[in-house]
């Protein structure tokens, strides 16, 4: 039996009747594929060195109050 994701990837114009188990398997498959794609991005982000407050102020040429206001306002 072919899984839902494989059918969708073919681009075929079809109507499907699915069971709850089919939907569960589809969701698991999508989650696993997303994990595989996101893991390298998350690892890279975790290794990124963040700037200190002082470095940010120097790079942007702003004072501590401005930086605080920006952070507070999101």
PDB file of N, CA and C in Angstrom:
ATOM      1  N   UNK A   1       0.837  -1.185   0.000  1.00  0.00           N
ATOM      2  CA  UNK A   1       0.000   0.000   0.000  1.00  0.00           C
ATOM      3  C   UNK A   1       0.876   1.241   0.000  1.00  0.00           C
ATOM      4  N   UNK A   2       0.482   2.237  -0.737  1.00  0.00           N
ATOM      5  CA  UNK A   2       1.210   3.495  -0.837  1.00  0.00           C
ATOM      6  C   UNK A   2       0.739   4.432   0.253  1.00  0.00           C
ATOM      7  N   UNK A   3       1.682   5.177   0.851  1.00  0.00           N
ATOM      8  CA  UNK A   3       1.269   6.111   1.888  1.00  0.00           C
ATOM      9  C   UNK A   3       0.792   7.427   1.276  1.00  0.00           C
ATOM     10  N   UNK A   4       0.080   8.228   2.064  1.00  0.00           N
ATOM     11  CA  UNK A   4      -0.521   9.478   1.588  1.00  0.00           C
ATOM     12  C   UNK A   4       0.539  10.429   1.054  1.00  0.00           C
ATOM     13  N   UNK A   5       1.650  10.549   1.757  1.00  0.00           N
ATOM     14  CA  UNK A   5       2.702  11.476   1.327  1.00  0.00           C
ATOM     15  C   UNK A   5       3.221  11.115  -0.058  1.00  0.00           C
ATOM     16  N   UNK A   6       3.415   9.855  -0.317  1.00  0.00           N
ATOM     17  CA  UNK A   6       3.881   9.424  -1.642  1.00  0.00           C
ATOM     18  C   UNK A   6       2.880   9.785  -2.731  1.00  0.00           C
ATOM     19  N   UNK A   7       1.600   9.625  -2.422  1.00  0.00           N
ATOM     20  CA  UNK A   7       0.558   9.975  -3.391  1.00  0.00           C
ATOM     21  C   UNK A   7       0.578  11.473  -3.657  1.00  0.00           C
ATOM     22  N   UNK A   8       0.686  12.270  -2.608  1.00  0.00           N
ATOM     23  CA  UNK A   8       0.717  13.730  -2.762  1.00  0.00           C
ATOM     24  C   UNK A   8       1.933  14.183  -3.559  1.00  0.00           C
ATOM     25  N   UNK A   9       3.067  13.534  -3.341  1.00  0.00           N
ATOM     26  CA  UNK A   9       4.303  13.921  -4.024  1.00  0.00           C
ATOM     27  C   UNK A   9       4.260  13.638  -5.521  1.00  0.00           C
ATOM     28  N   UNK A  10       3.396  12.721  -5.952  1.00  0.00           N
ATOM     29  CA  UNK A  10       3.310  12.435  -7.384  1.00  0.00           C
ATOM     30  C   UNK A  10       2.613  13.556  -8.130  1.00  0.00           C
ATOM     31  N   UNK A  11       1.829  14.359  -7.395  1.00  0.00           N
ATOM     32  CA  UNK A  11       1.109  15.447  -8.029  1.00  0.00           C
ATOM     33  C   UNK A  11      -0.137  14.979  -8.761  1.00  0.00           C
ATOM     34  N   UNK A  12      -0.510  13.736  -8.555  1.00  0.00           N
ATOM     35  CA  UNK A  12      -1.692  13.193  -9.232  1.00  0.00           C
ATOM     36  C   UNK A  12      -2.954  13.840  -8.692  1.00  0.00           C
ATOM     37  N   UNK A  13      -3.935  13.999  -9.556  1.00  0.00           N
ATOM     38  CA  UNK A  13      -5.230  14.536  -9.167  1.00  0.00           C
ATOM     39  C   UNK A  13      -6.112  13.357  -8.796  1.00  0.00           C
ATOM     40  N   UNK A  14      -6.185  13.073  -7.488  1.00  0.00           N
ATOM     41  CA  UNK A  14      -6.925  11.899  -7.032  1.00  0.00           C
ATOM     42  C   UNK A  14      -7.814  12.268  -5.850  1.00  0.00           C
ATOM     43  N   UNK A  15      -8.797  11.430  -5.597  1.00  0.00           N
ATOM     44  CA  UNK A  15      -9.617  11.511  -4.388  1.00  0.00           C
ATOM     45  C   UNK A  15      -9.196  10.362  -3.502  1.00  0.00           C
ATOM     46  N   UNK A  16      -9.076  10.635  -2.211  1.00  0.00           N
ATOM     47  CA  UNK A  16      -8.626   9.608  -1.288  1.00  0.00           C
ATOM     48  C   UNK A  16      -9.662   9.323  -0.228  1.00  0.00           C
ATOM     49  N   UNK A  17      -9.766   8.081   0.135  1.00  0.00           N
ATOM     50  CA  UNK A  17     -10.506   7.684   1.320  1.00  0.00           C
ATOM     51  C   UNK A  17      -9.453   7.157   2.282  1.00  0.00           C
ATOM     52  N   UNK A  18      -9.376   7.785   3.447  1.00  0.00           N
ATOM     53  CA  UNK A  18      -8.314   7.421   4.381  1.00  0.00           C
ATOM     54  C   UNK A  18      -8.894   6.968   5.709  1.00  0.00           C
ATOM     55  N   UNK A  19      -8.145   6.132   6.367  1.00  0.00           N
ATOM     56  CA  UNK A  19      -8.530   5.660   7.691  1.00  0.00           C
ATOM     57  C   UNK A  19      -7.849   6.539   8.739  1.00  0.00           C
ATOM     58  N   UNK A  20      -8.304   6.485   9.962  1.00  0.00           N
ATOM     59  CA  UNK A  20      -7.602   7.215  11.021  1.00  0.00           C
ATOM     60  C   UNK A  20      -6.126   6.817  11.110  1.00  0.00           C
ATOM     61  N   UNK A  21      -5.839   5.550  10.889  1.00  0.00           N
ATOM     62  CA  UNK A  21      -4.442   5.092  10.926  1.00  0.00           C
ATOM     63  C   UNK A  21      -3.631   5.720   9.795  1.00  0.00           C
ATOM     64  N   UNK A  22      -4.252   5.861   8.603  1.00  0.00           N
ATOM     65  CA  UNK A  22      -3.576   6.527   7.490  1.00  0.00           C
ATOM     66  C   UNK A  22      -3.204   7.958   7.872  1.00  0.00           C
ATOM     67  N   UNK A  23      -4.146   8.669   8.499  1.00  0.00           N
ATOM     68  CA  UNK A  23      -3.885  10.048   8.911  1.00  0.00           C
ATOM     69  C   UNK A  23      -2.789  10.108   9.967  1.00  0.00           C
ATOM     70  N   UNK A  24      -2.817   9.177  10.900  1.00  0.00           N
ATOM     71  CA  UNK A  24      -1.791   9.116  11.941  1.00  0.00           C
ATOM     72  C   UNK A  24      -0.418   8.884  11.319  1.00  0.00           C
ATOM     73  N   UNK A  25      -0.326   7.926  10.413  1.00  0.00           N
ATOM     74  CA  UNK A  25       0.941   7.633   9.747  1.00  0.00           C
ATOM     75  C   UNK A  25       1.423   8.830   8.927  1.00  0.00           C
ATOM     76  N   UNK A  26       0.506   9.512   8.257  1.00  0.00           N
ATOM     77  CA  UNK A  26       0.841  10.705   7.485  1.00  0.00           C
ATOM     78  C   UNK A  26       1.419  11.790   8.399  1.00  0.00           C
ATOM     79  N   UNK A  27       0.765  12.023   9.528  1.00  0.00           N
ATOM     80  CA  UNK A  27       1.241  13.035  10.470  1.00  0.00           C
ATOM     81  C   UNK A  27       2.631  12.680  10.991  1.00  0.00           C
ATOM     82  N   UNK A  28       2.840  11.418  11.348  1.00  0.00           N
ATOM     83  CA  UNK A  28       4.162  10.990  11.823  1.00  0.00           C
ATOM     84  C   UNK A  28       5.224  11.218  10.758  1.00  0.00           C
ATOM     85  N   UNK A  29       4.885  10.901   9.527  1.00  0.00           N
ATOM     86  CA  UNK A  29       5.822  11.063   8.412  1.00  0.00           C
ATOM     87  C   UNK A  29       6.182  12.532   8.210  1.00  0.00           C
ATOM     88  N   UNK A  30       5.173  13.402   8.243  1.00  0.00           N
ATOM     89  CA  UNK A  30       5.420  14.832   8.065  1.00  0.00           C
ATOM     90  C   UNK A  30       6.281  15.376   9.212  1.00  0.00           C
ATOM     91  N   UNK A  31       6.000  14.943  10.429  1.00  0.00           N
ATOM     92  CA  UNK A  31       6.784  15.388  11.586  1.00  0.00           C
ATOM     93  C   UNK A  31       8.238  14.939  11.439  1.00  0.00           C
ATOM     94  N   UNK A  32       8.450  13.708  11.051  1.00  0.00           N
ATOM     95  CA  UNK A  32       9.821  13.203  10.891  1.00  0.00           C
ATOM     96  C   UNK A  32      10.571  13.963   9.794  1.00  0.00           C
ATOM     97  N   UNK A  33       9.912  14.217   8.674  1.00  0.00           N
ATOM     98  CA  UNK A  33      10.555  14.974   7.595  1.00  0.00           C
ATOM     99  C   UNK A  33      10.897  16.392   8.051  1.00  0.00           C
ATOM    100  N   UNK A  34      10.001  16.997   8.808  1.00  0.00           N
ATOM    101  CA  UNK A  34      10.243  18.349   9.321  1.00  0.00           C
ATOM    102  C   UNK A  34      11.422  18.348  10.275  1.00  0.00           C
ATOM    103  N   UNK A  35      11.491  17.351  11.153  1.00  0.00           N
ATOM    104  CA  UNK A  35      12.628  17.236  12.076  1.00  0.00           C
ATOM    105  C   UNK A  35      13.942  17.136  11.304  1.00  0.00           C
ATOM    106  N   UNK A  36      13.945  16.301  10.276  1.00  0.00           N
ATOM    107  CA  UNK A  36      15.163  16.117   9.483  1.00  0.00           C
ATOM    108  C   UNK A  36      15.607  17.424   8.836  1.00  0.00           C
ATOM    109  N   UNK A  37      14.651  18.232   8.396  1.00  0.00           N
ATOM    110  CA  UNK A  37      14.988  19.495   7.748  1.00  0.00           C
ATOM    111  C   UNK A  37      15.375  20.564   8.763  1.00  0.00           C
ATOM    112  N   UNK A  38      14.755  20.555   9.927  1.00  0.00           N
ATOM    113  CA  UNK A  38      14.977  21.606  10.916  1.00  0.00           C
ATOM    114  C   UNK A  38      16.196  21.368  11.794  1.00  0.00           C
ATOM    115  N   UNK A  39      16.570  20.122  12.028  1.00  0.00           N
ATOM    116  CA  UNK A  39      17.669  19.821  12.930  1.00  0.00           C
ATOM    117  C   UNK A  39      18.962  20.519  12.547  1.00  0.00           C
ATOM    118  N   UNK A  40      19.405  20.459  11.277  1.00  0.00           N
ATOM    119  CA  UNK A  40      20.646  21.165  10.931  1.00  0.00           C
ATOM    120  C   UNK A  40      20.542  22.678  11.165  1.00  0.00           C
ATOM    121  N   UNK A  41      19.383  23.244  10.898  1.00  0.00           N
ATOM    122  CA  UNK A  41      19.185  24.683  11.101  1.00  0.00           C
ATOM    123  C   UNK A  41      19.268  25.012  12.582  1.00  0.00           C
ATOM    124  N   UNK A  42      18.652  24.187  13.415  1.00  0.00           N
ATOM    125  CA  UNK A  42      18.656  24.433  14.856  1.00  0.00           C
ATOM    126  C   UNK A  42      20.049  24.262  15.448  1.00  0.00           C
ATOM    127  N   UNK A  43      20.799  23.284  14.966  1.00  0.00           N
ATOM    128  CA  UNK A  43      22.158  23.075  15.459  1.00  0.00           C
ATOM    129  C   UNK A  43      23.029  24.272  15.098  1.00  0.00           C
ATOM    130  N   UNK A  44      22.904  24.754  13.877  1.00  0.00           N
ATOM    131  CA  UNK A  44      23.665  25.927  13.444  1.00  0.00           C
ATOM    132  C   UNK A  44      23.306  27.140  14.291  1.00  0.00           C
ATOM    133  N   UNK A  45      22.024  27.329  14.538  1.00  0.00           N
ATOM    134  CA  UNK A  45      21.577  28.470  15.345  1.00  0.00           C
ATOM    135  C   UNK A  45      22.111  28.373  16.764  1.00  0.00           C
ATOM    136  N   UNK A  46      22.165  27.167  17.310  1.00  0.00           N
ATOM    137  CA  UNK A  46      22.664  26.982  18.671  1.00  0.00           C
ATOM    138  C   UNK A  46      24.154  27.288  18.768  1.00  0.00           C
ATOM    139  N   UNK A  47      24.868  27.136  17.674  1.00  0.00           N
ATOM    140  CA  UNK A  47      26.306  27.378  17.676  1.00  0.00           C
ATOM    141  C   UNK A  47      26.650  28.837  17.383  1.00  0.00           C
ATOM    142  N   UNK A  48      25.654  29.619  16.987  1.00  0.00           N
ATOM    143  CA  UNK A  48      25.876  31.013  16.656  1.00  0.00           C
ATOM    144  C   UNK A  48      26.196  31.793  17.915  1.00  0.00           C
ATOM    145  N   UNK A  49      27.245  32.576  17.865  1.00  0.00           N
ATOM    146  CA  UNK A  49      27.627  33.402  18.998  1.00  0.00           C
ATOM    147  C   UNK A  49      26.828  34.696  18.959  1.00  0.00           C
ATOM    148  N   UNK A  50      26.171  34.995  20.070  1.00  0.00           N
ATOM    149  CA  UNK A  50      25.388  36.215  20.159  1.00  0.00           C
ATOM    150  C   UNK A  50      26.263  37.377  20.591  1.00  0.00           C
ATOM    151  N   UNK A  51      25.867  38.565  20.211  1.00  0.00           N
ATOM    152  CA  UNK A  51      26.600  39.760  20.598  1.00  0.00           C
ATOM    153  C   UNK A  51      26.194  40.182  22.002  1.00  0.00           C
ATOM    154  N   UNK A  52      27.127  40.781  22.713  1.00  0.00           N
ATOM    155  CA  UNK A  52      26.807  41.338  24.017  1.00  0.00           C
ATOM    156  C   UNK A  52      26.029  42.635  23.822  1.00  0.00           C
ATOM    157  N   UNK A  53      25.427  43.127  24.886  1.00  0.00           N
ATOM    158  CA  UNK A  53      24.693  44.386  24.818  1.00  0.00           C
ATOM    159  C   UNK A  53      25.616  45.521  24.370  1.00  0.00           C
ATOM    160  N   UNK A  54      26.812  45.539  24.916  1.00  0.00           N
ATOM    161  CA  UNK A  54      27.776  46.584  24.555  1.00  0.00           C
ATOM    162  C   UNK A  54      28.134  46.519  23.072  1.00  0.00           C
ATOM    163  N   UNK A  55      28.348  45.298  22.549  1.00  0.00           N
ATOM    164  CA  UNK A  55      28.682  45.133  21.133  1.00  0.00           C
ATOM    165  C   UNK A  55      27.541  45.604  20.233  1.00  0.00           C
ATOM    166  N   UNK A  56      26.306  45.310  20.631  1.00  0.00           N
ATOM    167  CA  UNK A  56      25.147  45.738  19.852  1.00  0.00           C
ATOM    168  C   UNK A  56      25.068  47.261  19.831  1.00  0.00           C
ATOM    169  N   UNK A  57      25.247  47.887  20.990  1.00  0.00           N
ATOM    170  CA  UNK A  57      25.196  49.349  21.060  1.00  0.00           C
ATOM    171  C   UNK A  57      26.266  49.971  20.164  1.00  0.00           C
ATOM    172  N   UNK A  58      27.466  49.390  20.186  1.00  0.00           N
ATOM    173  CA  UNK A  58      28.558  49.914  19.360  1.00  0.00           C
ATOM    174  C   UNK A  58      28.268  49.732  17.871  1.00  0.00           C
ATOM    175  N   UNK A  59      27.794  48.546  17.491  1.00  0.00           N
ATOM    176  CA  UNK A  59      27.534  48.269  16.072  1.00  0.00           C
ATOM    177  C   UNK A  59      26.409  49.138  15.518  1.00  0.00           C
ATOM    178  N   UNK A  60      25.373  49.379  16.348  1.00  0.00           N
ATOM    179  CA  UNK A  60      24.224  50.141  15.882  1.00  0.00           C
ATOM    180  C   UNK A  60      24.326  51.631  16.201  1.00  0.00           C
ATOM    181  N   UNK A  61      25.322  51.979  17.010  1.00  0.00           N
ATOM    182  CA  UNK A  61      25.515  53.386  17.357  1.00  0.00           C
ATOM    183  C   UNK A  61      24.372  53.963  18.179  1.00  0.00           C
ATOM    184  N   UNK A  62      23.868  53.166  19.108  1.00  0.00           N
ATOM    185  CA  UNK A  62      22.784  53.626  19.970  1.00  0.00           C
ATOM    186  C   UNK A  62      23.196  53.512  21.431  1.00  0.00           C
ATOM    187  N   UNK A  63      22.446  54.207  22.289  1.00  0.00           N
ATOM    188  CA  UNK A  63      22.743  54.149  23.722  1.00  0.00           C
ATOM    189  C   UNK A  63      21.959  53.005  24.373  1.00  0.00           C
ATOM    190  N   UNK A  64      22.246  52.750  25.626  1.00  0.00           N
ATOM    191  CA  UNK A  64      21.613  51.648  26.348  1.00  0.00           C
ATOM    192  C   UNK A  64      20.102  51.857  26.482  1.00  0.00           C
ATOM    193  N   UNK A  65      19.662  53.094  26.650  1.00  0.00           N
ATOM    194  CA  UNK A  65      18.231  53.384  26.785  1.00  0.00           C
ATOM    195  C   UNK A  65      17.492  53.026  25.494  1.00  0.00           C
ATOM    196  N   UNK A  66      18.067  53.385  24.353  1.00  0.00           N
ATOM    197  CA  UNK A  66      17.450  53.060  23.067  1.00  0.00           C
ATOM    198  C   UNK A  66      17.357  51.548  22.897  1.00  0.00           C
ATOM    199  N   UNK A  67      18.431  50.854  23.205  1.00  0.00           N
ATOM    200  CA  UNK A  67      18.447  49.401  23.095  1.00  0.00           C
ATOM    201  C   UNK A  67      17.384  48.787  24.001  1.00  0.00           C
ATOM    202  N   UNK A  68      17.253  49.302  25.220  1.00  0.00           N
ATOM    203  CA  UNK A  68      16.229  48.820  26.156  1.00  0.00           C
ATOM    204  C   UNK A  68      14.832  49.044  25.581  1.00  0.00           C
ATOM    205  N   UNK A  69      14.612  50.249  25.039  1.00  0.00           N
ATOM    206  CA  UNK A  69      13.289  50.559  24.485  1.00  0.00           C
ATOM    207  C   UNK A  69      12.959  49.665  23.298  1.00  0.00           C
ATOM    208  N   UNK A  70      13.947  49.393  22.456  1.00  0.00           N
ATOM    209  CA  UNK A  70      13.728  48.499  21.319  1.00  0.00           C
ATOM    210  C   UNK A  70      13.351  47.098  21.808  1.00  0.00           C
ATOM    211  N   UNK A  71      14.111  46.620  22.800  1.00  0.00           N
ATOM    212  CA  UNK A  71      13.845  45.282  23.324  1.00  0.00           C
ATOM    213  C   UNK A  71      12.464  45.225  23.957  1.00  0.00           C
ATOM    214  N   UNK A  72      12.098  46.249  24.705  1.00  0.00           N
ATOM    215  CA  UNK A  72      10.808  46.306  25.383  1.00  0.00           C
ATOM    216  C   UNK A  72       9.652  46.340  24.383  1.00  0.00           C
ATOM    217  N   UNK A  73       9.843  47.058  23.295  1.00  0.00           N
ATOM    218  CA  UNK A  73       8.775  47.179  22.299  1.00  0.00           C
ATOM    219  C   UNK A  73       8.726  46.006  21.317  1.00  0.00           C
ATOM    220  N   UNK A  74       9.711  45.117  21.435  1.00  0.00           N
ATOM    221  CA  UNK A  74       9.719  43.934  20.571  1.00  0.00           C
ATOM    222  C   UNK A  74      10.356  44.195  19.245  1.00  0.00           C
TER     223      UNK A  74
END
